């Protein structure tokens, strides 16, 4: 598929897809005319990259994770290292901490909403 179709199917701009290529997160074949061509696996890859960016990971970290990503093309392309596993565990711990902080923030906000709601109720 061409870059425009990948952008449409993944919900990511063509500019972002080009950036992913420069960062080594995505690869394409080139047609004789120089157009990018992607396999079906690229849709899953791009969606996963977006999720990882949304979780706060940077492109270098994501690039290190690619050997362990299973796209529809069959699975990991390289053997993972212990360092990669350790880095992934650290990222998961960081995300767990963020989730815990968000839950606590929501609880405080709920308390404030409750107090504010009581204050505006007619007596």
Protein backbone atom coordinates (compact mmCIF):
# COMPACT_ATOMS: atom_id res chain seq x y z
CA UNK A 1 0.00 0.00 0.00
CA UNK A 2 1.13 3.56 -0.59
CA UNK A 3 1.82 6.09 2.14
CA UNK A 4 -1.56 7.81 1.76
CA UNK A 5 -3.44 4.57 2.32
CA UNK A 6 -1.28 3.70 5.33
CA UNK A 7 -1.95 7.16 6.75
CA UNK A 8 -5.70 6.72 6.26
CA UNK A 9 -5.83 3.20 7.69
CA UNK A 10 -3.65 3.97 10.71
CA UNK A 11 -4.96 7.47 11.42
CA UNK A 12 -1.44 8.92 11.28
CA UNK A 13 -0.30 11.73 9.00
CA UNK A 14 1.98 11.07 6.05
CA UNK A 15 4.48 13.42 7.65
CA UNK A 16 4.56 11.27 10.80
CA UNK A 17 5.05 8.14 8.71
CA UNK A 18 8.04 9.73 6.98
CA UNK A 19 9.41 10.70 10.40
CA UNK A 20 9.00 7.13 11.62
CA UNK A 21 11.12 6.00 8.69
CA UNK A 22 13.88 8.50 9.48
CA UNK A 23 13.87 7.22 13.08
CA UNK A 24 14.14 3.58 11.94
CA UNK A 25 10.69 2.69 13.29
CA UNK A 26 9.14 1.85 9.93
CA UNK A 27 10.49 0.61 6.62
CA UNK A 28 9.15 0.72 3.11
CA UNK A 29 10.05 -0.57 -0.28
CA UNK A 30 10.36 1.89 -3.15
CA UNK A 31 8.60 1.60 -6.48
CA UNK A 32 10.60 2.31 -9.66
CA UNK A 33 9.05 5.78 -9.52
CA UNK A 34 10.35 6.32 -5.96
CA UNK A 35 6.99 5.97 -4.16
CA UNK A 36 6.90 4.28 -0.78
CA UNK A 37 5.18 0.90 -0.58
CA UNK A 38 4.26 -0.76 2.71
CA UNK A 39 3.06 -4.24 3.54
CA UNK A 40 -0.11 -4.97 5.48
CA UNK A 41 1.99 -5.41 8.61
CA UNK A 42 2.71 -1.66 8.61
CA UNK A 43 -0.80 -0.77 9.84
CA UNK A 44 -0.32 -2.75 13.06
CA UNK A 45 3.21 -1.41 13.47
CA UNK A 46 2.13 2.24 13.13
CA UNK A 47 -0.76 1.81 15.57
CA UNK A 48 1.59 0.25 18.12
CA UNK A 49 4.13 3.05 17.62
CA UNK A 50 1.37 5.60 18.28
CA UNK A 51 0.35 3.81 21.47
CA UNK A 52 3.95 3.74 22.69
CA UNK A 53 4.43 7.44 21.93
CA UNK A 54 1.20 8.19 23.81
CA UNK A 55 2.61 6.27 26.78
CA UNK A 56 5.56 8.67 26.83
CA UNK A 57 8.23 6.54 25.19
CA UNK A 58 10.69 8.23 22.85
CA UNK A 59 11.66 7.04 19.38
CA UNK A 60 14.99 5.60 20.57
CA UNK A 61 13.23 3.42 23.15
CA UNK A 62 10.59 2.36 20.66
CA UNK A 63 13.28 1.50 18.10
CA UNK A 64 14.88 -0.78 20.69
CA UNK A 65 11.57 -2.53 21.18
CA UNK A 66 11.00 -3.31 17.51
CA UNK A 67 12.79 -6.66 17.60
CA UNK A 68 10.12 -7.87 20.03
CA UNK A 69 7.08 -6.46 18.25
CA UNK A 70 4.89 -8.99 16.52
CA UNK A 71 3.41 -7.49 13.41
CA UNK A 72 1.28 -9.47 11.04
CA UNK A 73 4.44 -10.33 9.10
CA UNK A 74 5.18 -13.20 11.46
CA UNK A 75 6.96 -12.06 14.57
CA UNK A 76 10.20 -10.77 15.99
CA UNK A 77 12.94 -10.21 13.45
CA UNK A 78 15.83 -10.31 15.91
CA UNK A 79 16.71 -11.90 19.21
CA UNK A 80 15.99 -9.74 22.23
CA UNK A 81 18.73 -8.96 24.73
CA UNK A 82 18.53 -8.93 28.52
CA UNK A 83 19.12 -5.18 28.43
CA UNK A 84 16.07 -4.73 26.21
CA UNK A 85 13.96 -6.82 28.58
CA UNK A 86 15.23 -4.76 31.53
CA UNK A 87 14.48 -1.52 29.70
CA UNK A 88 10.98 -2.71 28.86
CA UNK A 89 10.34 -3.68 32.47
CA UNK A 90 11.52 -0.24 33.57
CA UNK A 91 9.17 1.42 31.07
CA UNK A 92 6.28 -0.69 32.34
CA UNK A 93 7.10 0.30 35.93
CA UNK A 94 7.19 3.97 34.88
CA UNK A 95 3.78 3.65 33.23
CA UNK A 96 2.37 1.85 36.29
CA UNK A 97 3.56 4.76 38.45
CA UNK A 98 1.89 7.24 36.10
CA UNK A 99 -1.35 5.27 36.22
CA UNK A 100 -1.25 5.24 40.03
CA UNK A 101 -0.67 8.99 40.10
CA UNK A 102 -3.57 9.57 37.71
CA UNK A 103 -5.89 7.42 39.82
CA UNK A 104 -4.95 9.39 42.95
CA UNK A 105 -5.48 12.67 41.08
CA UNK A 106 -8.92 11.51 39.97
CA UNK A 107 -9.82 10.57 43.55
CA UNK A 108 -8.84 14.04 44.79
CA UNK A 109 -10.79 15.63 41.95
CA UNK A 110 -13.84 13.52 42.84
CA UNK A 111 -13.62 14.77 46.44
CA UNK A 112 -13.39 18.38 45.29
CA UNK A 113 -16.33 17.89 42.91
CA UNK A 114 -18.36 16.40 45.76
CA UNK A 115 -17.56 19.28 48.08
CA UNK A 116 -18.26 21.88 45.39
CA UNK A 117 -21.53 20.19 44.46
CA UNK A 118 -22.69 20.28 48.07
CA UNK A 119 -21.86 23.99 48.26
CA UNK A 120 -23.99 24.90 45.24
CA UNK A 121 -27.05 22.81 46.18
CA UNK A 122 -29.99 24.93 47.38
CA UNK A 123 -30.67 24.46 51.07
